[in-house]
N, C-alpha and C. Protein backbone atom coordinates (compact mmCIF):
# COMPACT_ATOMS: atom_id res chain seq x y z
N MET A 1 -10.38 -18.27 14.58
CA MET A 1 -9.90 -17.49 15.69
C MET A 1 -10.55 -16.11 15.68
N ARG A 2 -11.08 -15.72 16.77
CA ARG A 2 -11.74 -14.42 16.87
C ARG A 2 -10.76 -13.27 16.65
N PHE A 3 -9.55 -13.39 17.21
CA PHE A 3 -8.54 -12.35 17.06
C PHE A 3 -8.22 -12.12 15.59
N ASP A 4 -7.99 -13.20 14.83
CA ASP A 4 -7.70 -13.07 13.41
C ASP A 4 -8.89 -12.52 12.64
N ASP A 5 -10.09 -12.90 13.04
CA ASP A 5 -11.29 -12.35 12.38
C ASP A 5 -11.36 -10.84 12.55
N ASP A 6 -11.08 -10.36 13.75
CA ASP A 6 -11.08 -8.92 14.01
C ASP A 6 -10.03 -8.21 13.15
N LEU A 7 -8.85 -8.80 13.06
CA LEU A 7 -7.78 -8.20 12.28
C LEU A 7 -8.09 -8.26 10.79
N SER A 8 -8.74 -9.30 10.35
CA SER A 8 -9.17 -9.38 8.95
C SER A 8 -10.19 -8.31 8.63
N GLN A 9 -11.06 -8.00 9.57
CA GLN A 9 -12.03 -6.92 9.37
C GLN A 9 -11.34 -5.57 9.31
N ILE A 10 -10.31 -5.38 10.11
CA ILE A 10 -9.53 -4.14 10.05
C ILE A 10 -8.86 -4.02 8.68
N ALA A 11 -8.31 -5.12 8.19
CA ALA A 11 -7.68 -5.12 6.86
C ALA A 11 -8.71 -4.78 5.78
N SER A 12 -9.90 -5.32 5.92
CA SER A 12 -10.96 -5.03 4.96
C SER A 12 -11.31 -3.54 4.96
N ALA A 13 -11.36 -2.94 6.14
CA ALA A 13 -11.65 -1.51 6.24
C ALA A 13 -10.52 -0.70 5.60
N LEU A 14 -9.27 -1.11 5.83
CA LEU A 14 -8.14 -0.43 5.20
C LEU A 14 -8.23 -0.54 3.68
N GLN A 15 -8.66 -1.69 3.20
CA GLN A 15 -8.84 -1.91 1.76
C GLN A 15 -9.84 -0.90 1.20
N GLN A 16 -10.95 -0.71 1.89
CA GLN A 16 -11.97 0.23 1.44
C GLN A 16 -11.45 1.67 1.43
N GLU A 17 -10.61 2.00 2.40
CA GLU A 17 -10.07 3.36 2.52
C GLU A 17 -8.93 3.64 1.54
N ASN A 18 -8.35 2.59 0.99
CA ASN A 18 -7.17 2.70 0.13
C ASN A 18 -7.37 1.91 -1.15
N PRO A 19 -8.16 2.43 -2.09
CA PRO A 19 -8.49 1.66 -3.29
C PRO A 19 -7.30 1.36 -4.20
N GLY A 20 -6.17 2.03 -3.99
CA GLY A 20 -4.99 1.75 -4.80
C GLY A 20 -4.17 0.59 -4.27
N TRP A 21 -4.70 -0.09 -3.26
CA TRP A 21 -3.98 -1.19 -2.61
C TRP A 21 -4.90 -2.38 -2.39
N VAL A 22 -4.32 -3.56 -2.37
CA VAL A 22 -4.99 -4.78 -1.91
C VAL A 22 -4.42 -5.03 -0.52
N VAL A 23 -5.29 -5.02 0.49
CA VAL A 23 -4.84 -5.12 1.88
C VAL A 23 -5.37 -6.41 2.50
N MET A 24 -4.53 -7.07 3.28
CA MET A 24 -4.95 -8.31 3.94
C MET A 24 -4.23 -8.46 5.28
N TRP A 25 -4.83 -9.24 6.14
CA TRP A 25 -4.18 -9.65 7.39
C TRP A 25 -3.55 -10.99 7.10
N ALA A 26 -2.23 -11.08 7.23
CA ALA A 26 -1.50 -12.33 6.98
C ALA A 26 -1.29 -13.03 8.32
N SER A 27 -2.21 -13.91 8.66
CA SER A 27 -2.17 -14.53 9.99
C SER A 27 -0.91 -15.35 10.20
N TRP A 28 -0.38 -15.97 9.17
CA TRP A 28 0.83 -16.78 9.29
C TRP A 28 2.05 -15.92 9.58
N ARG A 29 1.99 -14.61 9.20
CA ARG A 29 3.10 -13.69 9.46
C ARG A 29 2.80 -12.75 10.63
N ARG A 30 1.53 -12.73 11.06
CA ARG A 30 1.07 -11.85 12.13
C ARG A 30 1.30 -10.39 11.76
N LYS A 31 1.04 -10.07 10.47
CA LYS A 31 1.23 -8.70 9.98
C LYS A 31 0.15 -8.36 8.97
N PHE A 32 -0.07 -7.07 8.81
CA PHE A 32 -0.91 -6.56 7.73
C PHE A 32 -0.02 -6.41 6.51
N CYS A 33 -0.54 -6.79 5.35
CA CYS A 33 0.21 -6.68 4.10
C CYS A 33 -0.62 -5.87 3.11
N ALA A 34 0.06 -5.06 2.32
CA ALA A 34 -0.60 -4.28 1.29
C ALA A 34 0.17 -4.42 -0.01
N PHE A 35 -0.56 -4.68 -1.08
CA PHE A 35 0.01 -4.86 -2.41
C PHE A 35 -0.47 -3.70 -3.28
N SER A 36 0.47 -2.95 -3.82
CA SER A 36 0.11 -1.80 -4.64
C SER A 36 -0.56 -2.25 -5.93
N ARG A 37 -1.58 -1.49 -6.36
CA ARG A 37 -2.24 -1.76 -7.64
C ARG A 37 -1.65 -0.92 -8.77
N GLU A 38 -0.61 -0.14 -8.46
CA GLU A 38 0.03 0.69 -9.47
C GLU A 38 0.67 -0.21 -10.53
N ALA A 39 0.60 0.26 -11.76
CA ALA A 39 1.22 -0.47 -12.87
C ALA A 39 2.72 -0.16 -12.84
N LEU A 40 3.47 -1.03 -12.21
CA LEU A 40 4.91 -0.86 -12.07
C LEU A 40 5.63 -2.04 -12.70
N THR A 41 6.92 -1.89 -12.88
CA THR A 41 7.69 -2.99 -13.46
C THR A 41 7.96 -4.09 -12.44
N ALA A 42 7.82 -3.77 -11.15
CA ALA A 42 8.05 -4.75 -10.10
C ALA A 42 6.88 -4.69 -9.11
N SER A 43 6.63 -5.80 -8.47
CA SER A 43 5.59 -5.83 -7.44
C SER A 43 6.02 -4.97 -6.27
N LEU A 44 5.05 -4.29 -5.67
CA LEU A 44 5.33 -3.43 -4.54
C LEU A 44 4.48 -3.89 -3.37
N ILE A 45 5.14 -4.38 -2.33
CA ILE A 45 4.45 -4.92 -1.17
C ILE A 45 5.02 -4.27 0.08
N VAL A 46 4.15 -3.81 0.97
CA VAL A 46 4.58 -3.31 2.27
C VAL A 46 3.85 -4.10 3.35
N GLU A 47 4.48 -4.22 4.51
CA GLU A 47 3.84 -4.93 5.61
C GLU A 47 4.21 -4.28 6.93
N ALA A 48 3.31 -4.41 7.89
CA ALA A 48 3.52 -3.82 9.21
C ALA A 48 2.69 -4.58 10.24
N ALA A 49 3.11 -4.49 11.47
CA ALA A 49 2.40 -5.17 12.56
C ALA A 49 1.13 -4.44 12.98
N SER A 50 1.02 -3.15 12.63
CA SER A 50 -0.18 -2.41 13.02
C SER A 50 -0.79 -1.73 11.79
N PRO A 51 -2.11 -1.51 11.82
CA PRO A 51 -2.75 -0.84 10.68
C PRO A 51 -2.26 0.61 10.54
N GLU A 52 -1.93 1.25 11.65
CA GLU A 52 -1.43 2.63 11.59
C GLU A 52 -0.10 2.69 10.85
N ARG A 53 0.79 1.79 11.18
CA ARG A 53 2.11 1.76 10.52
C ARG A 53 1.95 1.40 9.04
N LEU A 54 1.05 0.50 8.73
CA LEU A 54 0.82 0.12 7.34
C LEU A 54 0.36 1.35 6.55
N GLY A 55 -0.53 2.14 7.13
CA GLY A 55 -0.99 3.36 6.47
C GLY A 55 0.15 4.32 6.19
N VAL A 56 1.05 4.47 7.15
CA VAL A 56 2.22 5.34 6.97
C VAL A 56 3.07 4.83 5.82
N LEU A 57 3.32 3.53 5.77
CA LEU A 57 4.14 2.96 4.72
C LEU A 57 3.48 3.11 3.35
N MET A 58 2.17 2.94 3.27
CA MET A 58 1.47 3.11 1.99
C MET A 58 1.59 4.55 1.51
N ARG A 59 1.45 5.52 2.43
CA ARG A 59 1.59 6.94 2.04
C ARG A 59 2.99 7.23 1.54
N GLN A 60 4.01 6.64 2.19
CA GLN A 60 5.38 6.85 1.76
C GLN A 60 5.60 6.31 0.35
N VAL A 61 5.09 5.13 0.08
CA VAL A 61 5.22 4.54 -1.25
C VAL A 61 4.50 5.39 -2.29
N GLU A 62 3.30 5.84 -1.98
CA GLU A 62 2.55 6.68 -2.92
C GLU A 62 3.32 7.96 -3.23
N ALA A 63 3.94 8.56 -2.23
CA ALA A 63 4.72 9.77 -2.44
C ALA A 63 5.93 9.48 -3.32
N GLU A 64 6.59 8.36 -3.08
CA GLU A 64 7.75 7.99 -3.89
C GLU A 64 7.35 7.75 -5.35
N ILE A 65 6.23 7.09 -5.57
CA ILE A 65 5.75 6.85 -6.93
C ILE A 65 5.43 8.19 -7.60
N HIS A 66 4.74 9.05 -6.89
CA HIS A 66 4.39 10.37 -7.43
C HIS A 66 5.66 11.15 -7.80
N ASN A 67 6.63 11.19 -6.90
CA ASN A 67 7.87 11.91 -7.15
C ASN A 67 8.64 11.31 -8.33
N ALA A 68 8.65 10.00 -8.44
CA ALA A 68 9.33 9.35 -9.56
C ALA A 68 8.66 9.71 -10.88
N ARG A 69 7.35 9.80 -10.88
CA ARG A 69 6.64 10.19 -12.10
C ARG A 69 6.95 11.63 -12.49
N ILE A 70 7.03 12.50 -11.50
CA ILE A 70 7.37 13.90 -11.77
C ILE A 70 8.78 13.98 -12.35
N ARG A 71 9.73 13.29 -11.73
CA ARG A 71 11.11 13.30 -12.24
C ARG A 71 11.16 12.76 -13.66
N GLY A 72 10.44 11.67 -13.91
CA GLY A 72 10.43 11.08 -15.25
C GLY A 72 9.84 12.02 -16.27
N ALA A 73 8.78 12.72 -15.89
CA ALA A 73 8.14 13.66 -16.81
C ALA A 73 9.06 14.84 -17.08
N GLN A 74 9.77 15.30 -16.06
CA GLN A 74 10.68 16.42 -16.24
C GLN A 74 11.84 16.04 -17.16
N GLU A 75 12.31 14.81 -17.03
CA GLU A 75 13.41 14.34 -17.86
C GLU A 75 12.99 14.22 -19.33
N THR A 76 11.73 13.89 -19.57
CA THR A 76 11.27 13.73 -20.95
C THR A 76 10.55 14.98 -21.46
N GLY A 77 10.41 15.99 -20.59
CA GLY A 77 9.76 17.23 -21.00
C GLY A 77 8.25 17.15 -21.05
N GLN A 78 7.65 16.14 -20.40
CA GLN A 78 6.22 15.98 -20.38
C GLN A 78 5.66 16.52 -19.07
N GLN A 79 4.34 16.78 -19.07
CA GLN A 79 3.67 17.19 -17.84
C GLN A 79 3.16 15.95 -17.14
N SER A 80 3.12 16.00 -15.83
CA SER A 80 2.61 14.89 -15.02
C SER A 80 1.62 15.43 -14.01
N CYS A 81 0.67 14.59 -13.62
CA CYS A 81 -0.34 14.99 -12.63
C CYS A 81 0.25 15.06 -11.25
């Protein structure tokens, strides 16, 4: 399908722009999916119907991870990036 091919190319471009994520077009769900590459205790997956919304969700997750690391470092008295 040409439509799915176009959306797969958009997912590929998002993948290149976001190296901390594995991004794909899930044709069976009609959504973009992103899997975080962060070393976490649980898998982190976000999905959205548009690439713009997926980008927003990925930024939100990255901010939450960053904030959690800061809180954890403060609790243990360590410095965090």
